């Protein structure tokens, strides 16, 4: 399994998320755990996503299980672009939907922490 921490952005939204590609990296994961739970393990990205900063918020591998607009759009984008994304990248829903001409910069470069 491979993990990436990403920054979800939308109009007035900043959400750090943890994404895990649920494809197995060894036989124990494949046969004993993931297949048993119903994960396809077919090599295509199967991304489990959960917010990092919220208690009680679920983790989903189905982008359409989320409510609202930000999470479903971002999750579908992450699945489609998994191999291109790096830890810390911004997934900007406003930009993905063509509402802005440039993606928002990462808060790690703009926030005064």
PDB file of N, CA and C in Angstrom:
ATOM      1  N   UNK A   1       0.844  -1.170   0.000  1.00  0.00           N
ATOM      2  CA  UNK A   1       0.000   0.000   0.000  1.00  0.00           C
ATOM      3  C   UNK A   1       0.893   1.239   0.000  1.00  0.00           C
ATOM      4  N   UNK A   2       0.433   2.239  -0.679  1.00  0.00           N
ATOM      5  CA  UNK A   2       1.177   3.496  -0.780  1.00  0.00           C
ATOM      6  C   UNK A   2       0.315   4.617  -0.208  1.00  0.00           C
ATOM      7  N   UNK A   3       0.935   5.528   0.563  1.00  0.00           N
ATOM      8  CA  UNK A   3       0.194   6.637   1.160  1.00  0.00           C
ATOM      9  C   UNK A   3       0.702   7.980   0.651  1.00  0.00           C
ATOM     10  N   UNK A   4      -0.210   8.963   0.637  1.00  0.00           N
ATOM     11  CA  UNK A   4       0.136  10.335   0.293  1.00  0.00           C
ATOM     12  C   UNK A   4      -0.709  11.266   1.156  1.00  0.00           C
ATOM     13  N   UNK A   5      -0.091  12.302   1.686  1.00  0.00           N
ATOM     14  CA  UNK A   5      -0.807  13.358   2.393  1.00  0.00           C
ATOM     15  C   UNK A   5      -0.980  14.503   1.398  1.00  0.00           C
ATOM     16  N   UNK A   6      -2.227  14.925   1.189  1.00  0.00           N
ATOM     17  CA  UNK A   6      -2.530  15.950   0.194  1.00  0.00           C
ATOM     18  C   UNK A   6      -3.309  17.094   0.831  1.00  0.00           C
ATOM     19  N   UNK A   7      -3.335  18.218   0.137  1.00  0.00           N
ATOM     20  CA  UNK A   7      -4.043  19.409   0.589  1.00  0.00           C
ATOM     21  C   UNK A   7      -5.243  19.632  -0.325  1.00  0.00           C
ATOM     22  N   UNK A   8      -6.455  19.432   0.209  1.00  0.00           N
ATOM     23  CA  UNK A   8      -7.671  19.696  -0.558  1.00  0.00           C
ATOM     24  C   UNK A   8      -8.032  21.158  -0.403  1.00  0.00           C
ATOM     25  N   UNK A   9      -8.280  21.810  -1.536  1.00  0.00           N
ATOM     26  CA  UNK A   9      -8.668  23.223  -1.533  1.00  0.00           C
ATOM     27  C   UNK A   9      -9.913  23.378  -2.388  1.00  0.00           C
ATOM     28  N   UNK A  10     -10.709  24.347  -2.003  1.00  0.00           N
ATOM     29  CA  UNK A  10     -11.894  24.735  -2.757  1.00  0.00           C
ATOM     30  C   UNK A  10     -12.164  26.175  -2.342  1.00  0.00           C
ATOM     31  N   UNK A  11     -13.246  26.753  -2.763  1.00  0.00           N
ATOM     32  CA  UNK A  11     -13.575  28.122  -2.375  1.00  0.00           C
ATOM     33  C   UNK A  11     -13.713  28.178  -0.851  1.00  0.00           C
ATOM     34  N   UNK A  12     -12.783  28.845  -0.183  1.00  0.00           N
ATOM     35  CA  UNK A  12     -12.817  28.979   1.271  1.00  0.00           C
ATOM     36  C   UNK A  12     -12.565  27.689   2.026  1.00  0.00           C
ATOM     37  N   UNK A  13     -11.927  26.726   1.404  1.00  0.00           N
ATOM     38  CA  UNK A  13     -11.750  25.413   2.020  1.00  0.00           C
ATOM     39  C   UNK A  13     -10.289  24.987   2.015  1.00  0.00           C
ATOM     40  N   UNK A  14      -9.833  24.487   3.159  1.00  0.00           N
ATOM     41  CA  UNK A  14      -8.519  23.864   3.300  1.00  0.00           C
ATOM     42  C   UNK A  14      -8.707  22.620   4.153  1.00  0.00           C
ATOM     43  N   UNK A  15      -8.431  21.448   3.599  1.00  0.00           N
ATOM     44  CA  UNK A  15      -8.564  20.199   4.333  1.00  0.00           C
ATOM     45  C   UNK A  15      -7.352  19.320   4.033  1.00  0.00           C
ATOM     46  N   UNK A  16      -6.518  19.035   5.034  1.00  0.00           N
ATOM     47  CA  UNK A  16      -5.456  18.056   4.824  1.00  0.00           C
ATOM     48  C   UNK A  16      -6.060  16.648   4.862  1.00  0.00           C
ATOM     49  N   UNK A  17      -5.685  15.825   3.899  1.00  0.00           N
ATOM     50  CA  UNK A  17      -6.220  14.466   3.835  1.00  0.00           C
ATOM     51  C   UNK A  17      -5.078  13.455   3.713  1.00  0.00           C
ATOM     52  N   UNK A  18      -5.372  12.264   4.164  1.00  0.00           N
ATOM     53  CA  UNK A  18      -4.475  11.129   3.984  1.00  0.00           C
ATOM     54  C   UNK A  18      -5.136  10.202   2.987  1.00  0.00           C
ATOM     55  N   UNK A  19      -4.396   9.831   1.947  1.00  0.00           N
ATOM     56  CA  UNK A  19      -4.894   8.920   0.913  1.00  0.00           C
ATOM     57  C   UNK A  19      -4.009   7.683   0.890  1.00  0.00           C
ATOM     58  N   UNK A  20      -4.641   6.540   0.767  1.00  0.00           N
ATOM     59  CA  UNK A  20      -3.921   5.270   0.727  1.00  0.00           C
ATOM     60  C   UNK A  20      -4.390   4.491  -0.494  1.00  0.00           C
ATOM     61  N   UNK A  21      -3.443   4.132  -1.355  1.00  0.00           N
ATOM     62  CA  UNK A  21      -3.774   3.232  -2.461  1.00  0.00           C
ATOM     63  C   UNK A  21      -3.838   1.831  -1.867  1.00  0.00           C
ATOM     64  N   UNK A  22      -5.025   1.262  -1.861  1.00  0.00           N
ATOM     65  CA  UNK A  22      -5.260  -0.008  -1.178  1.00  0.00           C
ATOM     66  C   UNK A  22      -4.798  -1.227  -1.977  1.00  0.00           C
ATOM     67  N   UNK A  23      -4.003  -1.031  -3.021  1.00  0.00           N
ATOM     68  CA  UNK A  23      -3.422  -2.175  -3.701  1.00  0.00           C
ATOM     69  C   UNK A  23      -2.327  -2.760  -2.822  1.00  0.00           C
ATOM     70  N   UNK A  24      -2.301  -4.060  -2.676  1.00  0.00           N
ATOM     71  CA  UNK A  24      -1.359  -4.701  -1.756  1.00  0.00           C
ATOM     72  C   UNK A  24       0.076  -4.644  -2.262  1.00  0.00           C
ATOM     73  N   UNK A  25       0.991  -4.613  -1.294  1.00  0.00           N
ATOM     74  CA  UNK A  25       2.408  -4.654  -1.652  1.00  0.00           C
ATOM     75  C   UNK A  25       3.057  -5.979  -1.275  1.00  0.00           C
ATOM     76  N   UNK A  26       2.284  -6.876  -0.670  1.00  0.00           N
ATOM     77  CA  UNK A  26       2.823  -8.207  -0.352  1.00  0.00           C
ATOM     78  C   UNK A  26       1.664  -9.206  -0.277  1.00  0.00           C
ATOM     79  N   UNK A  27       2.015 -10.485  -0.189  1.00  0.00           N
ATOM     80  CA  UNK A  27       1.008 -11.548  -0.224  1.00  0.00           C
ATOM     81  C   UNK A  27       0.078 -11.513   0.976  1.00  0.00           C
ATOM     82  N   UNK A  28       0.581 -11.172   2.148  1.00  0.00           N
ATOM     83  CA  UNK A  28      -0.278 -11.124   3.333  1.00  0.00           C
ATOM     84  C   UNK A  28      -1.368 -10.080   3.163  1.00  0.00           C
ATOM     85  N   UNK A  29      -1.000  -8.916   2.667  1.00  0.00           N
ATOM     86  CA  UNK A  29      -2.001  -7.876   2.435  1.00  0.00           C
ATOM     87  C   UNK A  29      -3.014  -8.338   1.402  1.00  0.00           C
ATOM     88  N   UNK A  30      -2.530  -8.948   0.343  1.00  0.00           N
ATOM     89  CA  UNK A  30      -3.420  -9.324  -0.765  1.00  0.00           C
ATOM     90  C   UNK A  30      -4.416 -10.409  -0.365  1.00  0.00           C
ATOM     91  N   UNK A  31      -3.940 -11.529   0.090  1.00  0.00           N
ATOM     92  CA  UNK A  31      -4.797 -12.691   0.280  1.00  0.00           C
ATOM     93  C   UNK A  31      -5.479 -12.725   1.637  1.00  0.00           C
ATOM     94  N   UNK A  32      -4.804 -12.262   2.671  1.00  0.00           N
ATOM     95  CA  UNK A  32      -5.378 -12.409   4.002  1.00  0.00           C
ATOM     96  C   UNK A  32      -6.216 -11.215   4.431  1.00  0.00           C
ATOM     97  N   UNK A  33      -5.910 -10.047   3.908  1.00  0.00           N
ATOM     98  CA  UNK A  33      -6.595  -8.866   4.417  1.00  0.00           C
ATOM     99  C   UNK A  33      -7.446  -8.164   3.367  1.00  0.00           C
ATOM    100  N   UNK A  34      -6.832  -7.662   2.334  1.00  0.00           N
ATOM    101  CA  UNK A  34      -7.560  -6.815   1.394  1.00  0.00           C
ATOM    102  C   UNK A  34      -8.611  -7.573   0.582  1.00  0.00           C
ATOM    103  N   UNK A  35      -8.263  -8.701   0.008  1.00  0.00           N
ATOM    104  CA  UNK A  35      -9.245  -9.472  -0.773  1.00  0.00           C
ATOM    105  C   UNK A  35     -10.386  -9.933   0.126  1.00  0.00           C
ATOM    106  N   UNK A  36     -10.043 -10.304   1.344  1.00  0.00           N
ATOM    107  CA  UNK A  36     -11.063 -10.770   2.294  1.00  0.00           C
ATOM    108  C   UNK A  36     -12.080  -9.674   2.603  1.00  0.00           C
ATOM    109  N   UNK A  37     -11.644  -8.401   2.543  1.00  0.00           N
ATOM    110  CA  UNK A  37     -12.531  -7.261   2.803  1.00  0.00           C
ATOM    111  C   UNK A  37     -13.209  -6.754   1.542  1.00  0.00           C
ATOM    112  N   UNK A  38     -12.905  -7.356   0.392  1.00  0.00           N
ATOM    113  CA  UNK A  38     -13.592  -6.997  -0.834  1.00  0.00           C
ATOM    114  C   UNK A  38     -12.871  -6.016  -1.729  1.00  0.00           C
ATOM    115  N   UNK A  39     -11.632  -5.636  -1.395  1.00  0.00           N
ATOM    116  CA  UNK A  39     -10.879  -4.752  -2.286  1.00  0.00           C
ATOM    117  C   UNK A  39     -10.475  -5.525  -3.539  1.00  0.00           C
ATOM    118  N   UNK A  40     -10.558  -4.909  -4.726  1.00  0.00           N
ATOM    119  CA  UNK A  40     -10.306  -5.641  -5.964  1.00  0.00           C
ATOM    120  C   UNK A  40      -8.850  -6.055  -6.169  1.00  0.00           C
ATOM    121  N   UNK A  41      -7.889  -5.285  -5.687  1.00  0.00           N
ATOM    122  CA  UNK A  41      -6.465  -5.631  -5.814  1.00  0.00           C
ATOM    123  C   UNK A  41      -6.083  -5.948  -7.256  1.00  0.00           C
ATOM    124  N   UNK A  42      -6.557  -5.126  -8.188  1.00  0.00           N
ATOM    125  CA  UNK A  42      -6.329  -5.391  -9.604  1.00  0.00           C
ATOM    126  C   UNK A  42      -5.283  -4.474 -10.228  1.00  0.00           C
ATOM    127  N   UNK A  43      -4.590  -3.690  -9.407  1.00  0.00           N
ATOM    128  CA  UNK A  43      -3.542  -2.816  -9.912  1.00  0.00           C
ATOM    129  C   UNK A  43      -4.002  -1.407 -10.228  1.00  0.00           C
ATOM    130  N   UNK A  44      -5.309  -1.204 -10.445  1.00  0.00           N
ATOM    131  CA  UNK A  44      -5.823   0.153 -10.665  1.00  0.00           C
ATOM    132  C   UNK A  44      -5.876   0.872  -9.328  1.00  0.00           C
ATOM    133  N   UNK A  45      -5.676   2.194  -9.312  1.00  0.00           N
ATOM    134  CA  UNK A  45      -5.734   2.902  -8.028  1.00  0.00           C
ATOM    135  C   UNK A  45      -7.086   2.686  -7.334  1.00  0.00           C
ATOM    136  N   UNK A  46      -7.020   2.288  -6.089  1.00  0.00           N
ATOM    137  CA  UNK A  46      -8.195   2.104  -5.244  1.00  0.00           C
ATOM    138  C   UNK A  46      -7.920   2.921  -3.989  1.00  0.00           C
ATOM    139  N   UNK A  47      -8.292   4.200  -4.023  1.00  0.00           N
ATOM    140  CA  UNK A  47      -7.823   5.162  -3.050  1.00  0.00           C
ATOM    141  C   UNK A  47      -8.788   5.321  -1.887  1.00  0.00           C
ATOM    142  N   UNK A  48      -8.313   5.014  -0.701  1.00  0.00           N
ATOM    143  CA  UNK A  48      -9.020   5.281   0.539  1.00  0.00           C
ATOM    144  C   UNK A  48      -8.609   6.674   0.987  1.00  0.00           C
ATOM    145  N   UNK A  49      -9.586   7.543   1.297  1.00  0.00           N
ATOM    146  CA  UNK A  49      -9.272   8.921   1.674  1.00  0.00           C
ATOM    147  C   UNK A  49      -9.970   9.272   2.976  1.00  0.00           C
ATOM    148  N   UNK A  50      -9.259   9.996   3.846  1.00  0.00           N
ATOM    149  CA  UNK A  50      -9.840  10.480   5.090  1.00  0.00           C
ATOM    150  C   UNK A  50      -9.201  11.815   5.463  1.00  0.00           C
ATOM    151  N   UNK A  51      -9.979  12.732   6.021  1.00  0.00           N
ATOM    152  CA  UNK A  51      -9.391  13.986   6.504  1.00  0.00           C
ATOM    153  C   UNK A  51      -8.451  13.700   7.672  1.00  0.00           C
ATOM    154  N   UNK A  52      -7.367  14.442   7.763  1.00  0.00           N
ATOM    155  CA  UNK A  52      -6.409  14.249   8.841  1.00  0.00           C
ATOM    156  C   UNK A  52      -6.817  14.960  10.130  1.00  0.00           C
ATOM    157  N   UNK A  53      -7.549  16.046  10.030  1.00  0.00           N
ATOM    158  CA  UNK A  53      -7.779  16.897  11.190  1.00  0.00           C
ATOM    159  C   UNK A  53      -9.146  16.722  11.839  1.00  0.00           C
ATOM    160  N   UNK A  54      -9.917  15.747  11.457  1.00  0.00           N
ATOM    161  CA  UNK A  54     -11.271  15.643  11.989  1.00  0.00           C
ATOM    162  C   UNK A  54     -11.488  14.309  12.695  1.00  0.00           C
ATOM    163  N   UNK A  55     -12.079  14.373  13.874  1.00  0.00           N
ATOM    164  CA  UNK A  55     -12.447  13.156  14.596  1.00  0.00           C
ATOM    165  C   UNK A  55     -13.830  12.701  14.151  1.00  0.00           C
ATOM    166  N   UNK A  56     -13.995  11.424  13.982  1.00  0.00           N
ATOM    167  CA  UNK A  56     -15.294  10.887  13.654  1.00  0.00           C
ATOM    168  C   UNK A  56     -15.697  11.005  12.196  1.00  0.00           C
ATOM    169  N   UNK A  57     -14.821  11.516  11.345  1.00  0.00           N
ATOM    170  CA  UNK A  57     -15.128  11.599   9.920  1.00  0.00           C
ATOM    171  C   UNK A  57     -14.689  10.290   9.271  1.00  0.00           C
ATOM    172  N   UNK A  58     -15.524   9.712   8.425  1.00  0.00           N
ATOM    173  CA  UNK A  58     -15.187   8.402   7.858  1.00  0.00           C
ATOM    174  C   UNK A  58     -14.063   8.468   6.832  1.00  0.00           C
ATOM    175  N   UNK A  59     -13.570   7.305   6.531  1.00  0.00           N
ATOM    176  CA  UNK A  59     -12.653   7.107   5.411  1.00  0.00           C
ATOM    177  C   UNK A  59     -13.423   6.321   4.366  1.00  0.00           C
ATOM    178  N   UNK A  60     -13.322   6.742   3.104  1.00  0.00           N
ATOM    179  CA  UNK A  60     -14.030   6.070   2.026  1.00  0.00           C
ATOM    180  C   UNK A  60     -13.065   5.753   0.890  1.00  0.00           C
ATOM    181  N   UNK A  61     -13.336   4.673   0.187  1.00  0.00           N
ATOM    182  CA  UNK A  61     -12.612   4.418  -1.060  1.00  0.00           C
ATOM    183  C   UNK A  61     -13.523   4.674  -2.260  1.00  0.00           C
ATOM    184  N   UNK A  62     -14.755   5.084  -2.009  1.00  0.00           N
ATOM    185  CA  UNK A  62     -15.720   5.429  -3.053  1.00  0.00           C
ATOM    186  C   UNK A  62     -15.877   6.945  -3.089  1.00  0.00           C
ATOM    187  N   UNK A  63     -15.450   7.611  -4.159  1.00  0.00           N
ATOM    188  CA  UNK A  63     -15.548   9.065  -4.194  1.00  0.00           C
ATOM    189  C   UNK A  63     -16.980   9.588  -4.123  1.00  0.00           C
ATOM    190  N   UNK A  64     -17.956   8.753  -4.434  1.00  0.00           N
ATOM    191  CA  UNK A  64     -19.343   9.195  -4.428  1.00  0.00           C
ATOM    192  C   UNK A  64     -20.044   8.927  -3.094  1.00  0.00           C
ATOM    193  N   UNK A  65     -19.305   8.408  -2.111  1.00  0.00           N
ATOM    194  CA  UNK A  65     -19.855   8.212  -0.769  1.00  0.00           C
ATOM    195  C   UNK A  65     -19.849   9.507   0.035  1.00  0.00           C
ATOM    196  N   UNK A  66     -19.022  10.473  -0.386  1.00  0.00           N
ATOM    197  CA  UNK A  66     -18.946  11.758   0.306  1.00  0.00           C
ATOM    198  C   UNK A  66     -20.153  12.621  -0.035  1.00  0.00           C
ATOM    199  N   UNK A  67     -20.510  13.515   0.864  1.00  0.00           N
ATOM    200  CA  UNK A  67     -21.554  14.492   0.555  1.00  0.00           C
ATOM    201  C   UNK A  67     -20.888  15.806   0.136  1.00  0.00           C
ATOM    202  N   UNK A  68     -21.689  16.720  -0.382  1.00  0.00           N
ATOM    203  CA  UNK A  68     -21.162  18.008  -0.816  1.00  0.00           C
ATOM    204  C   UNK A  68     -20.480  17.914  -2.170  1.00  0.00           C
ATOM    205  N   UNK A  69     -19.590  18.867  -2.410  1.00  0.00           N
ATOM    206  CA  UNK A  69     -18.924  18.916  -3.709  1.00  0.00           C
ATOM    207  C   UNK A  69     -17.419  18.693  -3.592  1.00  0.00           C
ATOM    208  N   UNK A  70     -16.792  19.241  -2.571  1.00  0.00           N
ATOM    209  CA  UNK A  70     -15.337  19.233  -2.468  1.00  0.00           C
ATOM    210  C   UNK A  70     -14.763  17.820  -2.438  1.00  0.00           C
ATOM    211  N   UNK A  71     -15.243  16.997  -1.538  1.00  0.00           N
ATOM    212  CA  UNK A  71     -14.665  15.665  -1.377  1.00  0.00           C
ATOM    213  C   UNK A  71     -14.915  14.747  -2.570  1.00  0.00           C
ATOM    214  N   UNK A  72     -16.135  14.657  -3.127  1.00  0.00           N
ATOM    215  CA  UNK A  72     -16.316  13.772  -4.287  1.00  0.00           C
ATOM    216  C   UNK A  72     -15.459  14.171  -5.488  1.00  0.00           C
ATOM    217  N   UNK A  73     -15.405  15.475  -5.792  1.00  0.00           N
ATOM    218  CA  UNK A  73     -14.615  15.930  -6.945  1.00  0.00           C
ATOM    219  C   UNK A  73     -13.132  15.667  -6.704  1.00  0.00           C
ATOM    220  N   UNK A  74     -12.651  16.028  -5.516  1.00  0.00           N
ATOM    221  CA  UNK A  74     -11.237  15.826  -5.202  1.00  0.00           C
ATOM    222  C   UNK A  74     -10.871  14.345  -5.209  1.00  0.00           C
ATOM    223  N   UNK A  75     -11.708  13.511  -4.612  1.00  0.00           N
ATOM    224  CA  UNK A  75     -11.418  12.081  -4.526  1.00  0.00           C
ATOM    225  C   UNK A  75     -11.354  11.439  -5.913  1.00  0.00           C
ATOM    226  N   UNK A  76     -12.299  11.778  -6.775  1.00  0.00           N
ATOM    227  CA  UNK A  76     -12.280  11.246  -8.148  1.00  0.00           C
ATOM    228  C   UNK A  76     -11.023  11.712  -8.886  1.00  0.00           C
ATOM    229  N   UNK A  77     -10.638  12.964  -8.683  1.00  0.00           N
ATOM    230  CA  UNK A  77      -9.424  13.499  -9.311  1.00  0.00           C
ATOM    231  C   UNK A  77      -8.190  12.745  -8.801  1.00  0.00           C
ATOM    232  N   UNK A  78      -8.136  12.504  -7.509  1.00  0.00           N
ATOM    233  CA  UNK A  78      -6.992  11.795  -6.925  1.00  0.00           C
ATOM    234  C   UNK A  78      -6.878  10.388  -7.514  1.00  0.00           C
ATOM    235  N   UNK A  79      -7.994   9.702  -7.669  1.00  0.00           N
ATOM    236  CA  UNK A  79      -7.965   8.365  -8.275  1.00  0.00           C
ATOM    237  C   UNK A  79      -7.409   8.451  -9.698  1.00  0.00           C
ATOM    238  N   UNK A  80      -7.903   9.404 -10.473  1.00  0.00           N
ATOM    239  CA  UNK A  80      -7.487   9.525 -11.876  1.00  0.00           C
ATOM    240  C   UNK A  80      -6.051  10.001 -12.041  1.00  0.00           C
ATOM    241  N   UNK A  81      -5.504  10.694 -11.053  1.00  0.00           N
ATOM    242  CA  UNK A  81      -4.173  11.298 -11.173  1.00  0.00           C
ATOM    243  C   UNK A  81      -3.204  10.793 -10.096  1.00  0.00           C
ATOM    244  N   UNK A  82      -3.493   9.653  -9.518  1.00  0.00           N
ATOM    245  CA  UNK A  82      -2.708   9.120  -8.402  1.00  0.00           C
ATOM    246  C   UNK A  82      -1.204   9.080  -8.705  1.00  0.00           C
ATOM    247  N   UNK A  83      -0.838   8.569  -9.839  1.00  0.00           N
ATOM    248  CA  UNK A  83       0.588   8.404 -10.154  1.00  0.00           C
ATOM    249  C   UNK A  83       1.301   9.743 -10.341  1.00  0.00           C
ATOM    250  N   UNK A  84       0.558  10.813 -10.637  1.00  0.00           N
ATOM    251  CA  UNK A  84       1.156  12.137 -10.837  1.00  0.00           C
ATOM    252  C   UNK A  84       1.289  12.929  -9.536  1.00  0.00           C
ATOM    253  N   UNK A  85       0.514  12.579  -8.523  1.00  0.00           N
ATOM    254  CA  UNK A  85       0.487  13.344  -7.278  1.00  0.00           C
ATOM    255  C   UNK A  85       1.628  12.952  -6.348  1.00  0.00           C
ATOM    256  N   UNK A  86       2.142  13.953  -5.638  1.00  0.00           N
ATOM    257  CA  UNK A  86       3.210  13.758  -4.661  1.00  0.00           C
ATOM    258  C   UNK A  86       2.711  14.212  -3.296  1.00  0.00           C
ATOM    259  N   UNK A  87       3.345  13.729  -2.230  1.00  0.00           N
ATOM    260  CA  UNK A  87       3.025  14.208  -0.882  1.00  0.00           C
ATOM    261  C   UNK A  87       3.022  15.726  -0.855  1.00  0.00           C
ATOM    262  N   UNK A  88       1.986  16.309  -0.247  1.00  0.00           N
ATOM    263  CA  UNK A  88       1.919  17.750  -0.097  1.00  0.00           C
ATOM    264  C   UNK A  88       1.295  18.495  -1.256  1.00  0.00           C
ATOM    265  N   UNK A  89       0.979  17.807  -2.347  1.00  0.00           N
ATOM    266  CA  UNK A  89       0.375  18.485  -3.493  1.00  0.00           C
ATOM    267  C   UNK A  89      -1.001  19.038  -3.138  1.00  0.00           C
ATOM    268  N   UNK A  90      -1.386  20.081  -3.863  1.00  0.00           N
ATOM    269  CA  UNK A  90      -2.698  20.695  -3.714  1.00  0.00           C
ATOM    270  C   UNK A  90      -3.647  20.093  -4.749  1.00  0.00           C
ATOM    271  N   UNK A  91      -4.825  19.690  -4.286  1.00  0.00           N
ATOM    272  CA  UNK A  91      -5.901  19.248  -5.165  1.00  0.00           C
ATOM    273  C   UNK A  91      -6.977  20.322  -5.033  1.00  0.00           C
ATOM    274  N   UNK A  92      -7.059  21.205  -6.028  1.00  0.00           N
ATOM    275  CA  UNK A  92      -7.918  22.388  -5.981  1.00  0.00           C
ATOM    276  C   UNK A  92      -9.181  22.147  -6.804  1.00  0.00           C
ATOM    277  N   UNK A  93     -10.294  21.972  -6.116  1.00  0.00           N
ATOM    278  CA  UNK A  93     -11.562  21.646  -6.771  1.00  0.00           C
ATOM    279  C   UNK A  93     -12.030  22.782  -7.679  1.00  0.00           C
ATOM    280  N   UNK A  94     -11.870  24.026  -7.256  1.00  0.00           N
ATOM    281  CA  UNK A  94     -12.267  25.161  -8.095  1.00  0.00           C
ATOM    282  C   UNK A  94     -11.523  25.136  -9.421  1.00  0.00           C
ATOM    283  N   UNK A  95     -10.239  24.803  -9.383  1.00  0.00           N
ATOM    284  CA  UNK A  95      -9.433  24.718 -10.596  1.00  0.00           C
ATOM    285  C   UNK A  95      -9.844  23.508 -11.442  1.00  0.00           C
ATOM    286  N   UNK A  96     -10.057  22.366 -10.799  1.00  0.00           N
ATOM    287  CA  UNK A  96     -10.464  21.150 -11.512  1.00  0.00           C
ATOM    288  C   UNK A  96     -11.754  21.394 -12.279  1.00  0.00           C
ATOM    289  N   UNK A  97     -12.681  22.139 -11.680  1.00  0.00           N
ATOM    290  CA  UNK A  97     -13.979  22.397 -12.306  1.00  0.00           C
ATOM    291  C   UNK A  97     -13.947  23.569 -13.285  1.00  0.00           C
ATOM    292  N   UNK A  98     -12.780  24.177 -13.469  1.00  0.00           N
ATOM    293  CA  UNK A  98     -12.646  25.264 -14.419  1.00  0.00           C
ATOM    294  C   UNK A  98     -13.172  26.598 -13.936  1.00  0.00           C
ATOM    295  N   UNK A  99     -13.381  26.741 -12.634  1.00  0.00           N
ATOM    296  CA  UNK A  99     -13.881  27.991 -12.075  1.00  0.00           C
ATOM    297  C   UNK A  99     -12.780  29.022 -11.876  1.00  0.00           C
ATOM    298  N   UNK A 100     -11.541  28.563 -11.815  1.00  0.00           N
ATOM    299  CA  UNK A 100     -10.390  29.450 -11.715  1.00  0.00           C
ATOM    300  C   UNK A 100      -9.381  29.050 -12.784  1.00  0.00           C
ATOM    301  N   UNK A 101      -8.497  29.975 -13.133  1.00  0.00           N
ATOM    302  CA  UNK A 101      -7.530  29.694 -14.196  1.00  0.00           C
ATOM    303  C   UNK A 101      -6.219  29.130 -13.661  1.00  0.00           C
ATOM    304  N   UNK A 102      -5.999  29.244 -12.360  1.00  0.00           N
ATOM    305  CA  UNK A 102      -4.778  28.716 -11.743  1.00  0.00           C
ATOM    306  C   UNK A 102      -5.130  28.021 -10.438  1.00  0.00           C
ATOM    307  N   UNK A 103      -4.425  26.947 -10.107  1.00  0.00           N
ATOM    308  CA  UNK A 103      -4.686  26.296  -8.815  1.00  0.00           C
ATOM    309  C   UNK A 103      -4.188  27.169  -7.666  1.00  0.00           C
ATOM    310  N   UNK A 104      -4.834  27.033  -6.534  1.00  0.00           N
ATOM    311  CA  UNK A 104      -4.420  27.760  -5.339  1.00  0.00           C
ATOM    312  C   UNK A 104      -3.034  27.275  -4.900  1.00  0.00           C
ATOM    313  N   UNK A 105      -2.215  28.163  -4.351  1.00  0.00           N
ATOM    314  CA  UNK A 105      -0.924  27.719  -3.826  1.00  0.00           C
ATOM    315  C   UNK A 105      -1.119  26.959  -2.513  1.00  0.00           C
ATOM    316  N   UNK A 106      -0.180  26.134  -2.193  1.00  0.00           N
ATOM    317  CA  UNK A 106      -0.239  25.389  -0.941  1.00  0.00           C
ATOM    318  C   UNK A 106      -0.137  26.337   0.249  1.00  0.00           C
ATOM    319  N   UNK A 107      -0.928  26.050   1.282  1.00  0.00           N
ATOM    320  CA  UNK A 107      -0.838  26.850   2.495  1.00  0.00           C
ATOM    321  C   UNK A 107       0.506  26.679   3.191  1.00  0.00           C
ATOM    322  N   UNK A 108       1.233  25.642   2.871  1.00  0.00           N
ATOM    323  CA  UNK A 108       2.567  25.497   3.489  1.00  0.00           C
ATOM    324  C   UNK A 108       3.502  26.585   3.017  1.00  0.00           C
ATOM    325  N   UNK A 109       3.173  27.234   1.889  1.00  0.00           N
ATOM    326  CA  UNK A 109       3.987  28.344   1.392  1.00  0.00           C
ATOM    327  C   UNK A 109       3.383  29.710   1.717  1.00  0.00           C
ATOM    328  N   UNK A 110       2.084  29.746   2.055  1.00  0.00           N
ATOM    329  CA  UNK A 110       1.415  31.028   2.244  1.00  0.00           C
ATOM    330  C   UNK A 110       0.980  31.296   3.676  1.00  0.00           C
ATOM    331  N   UNK A 111       0.839  30.264   4.502  1.00  0.00           N
ATOM    332  CA  UNK A 111       0.369  30.453   5.880  1.00  0.00           C
ATOM    333  C   UNK A 111       1.535  30.876   6.771  1.00  0.00           C
ATOM    334  N   UNK A 112       1.231  31.721   7.713  1.00  0.00           N
ATOM    335  CA  UNK A 112       2.242  32.173   8.678  1.00  0.00           C
ATOM    336  C   UNK A 112       2.129  31.308   9.925  1.00  0.00           C
ATOM    337  N   UNK A 113       2.784  30.164   9.902  1.00  0.00           N
ATOM    338  CA  UNK A 113       2.690  29.213  11.029  1.00  0.00           C
ATOM    339  C   UNK A 113       3.890  29.285  11.916  1.00  0.00           C
TER     340      UNK A 113
END
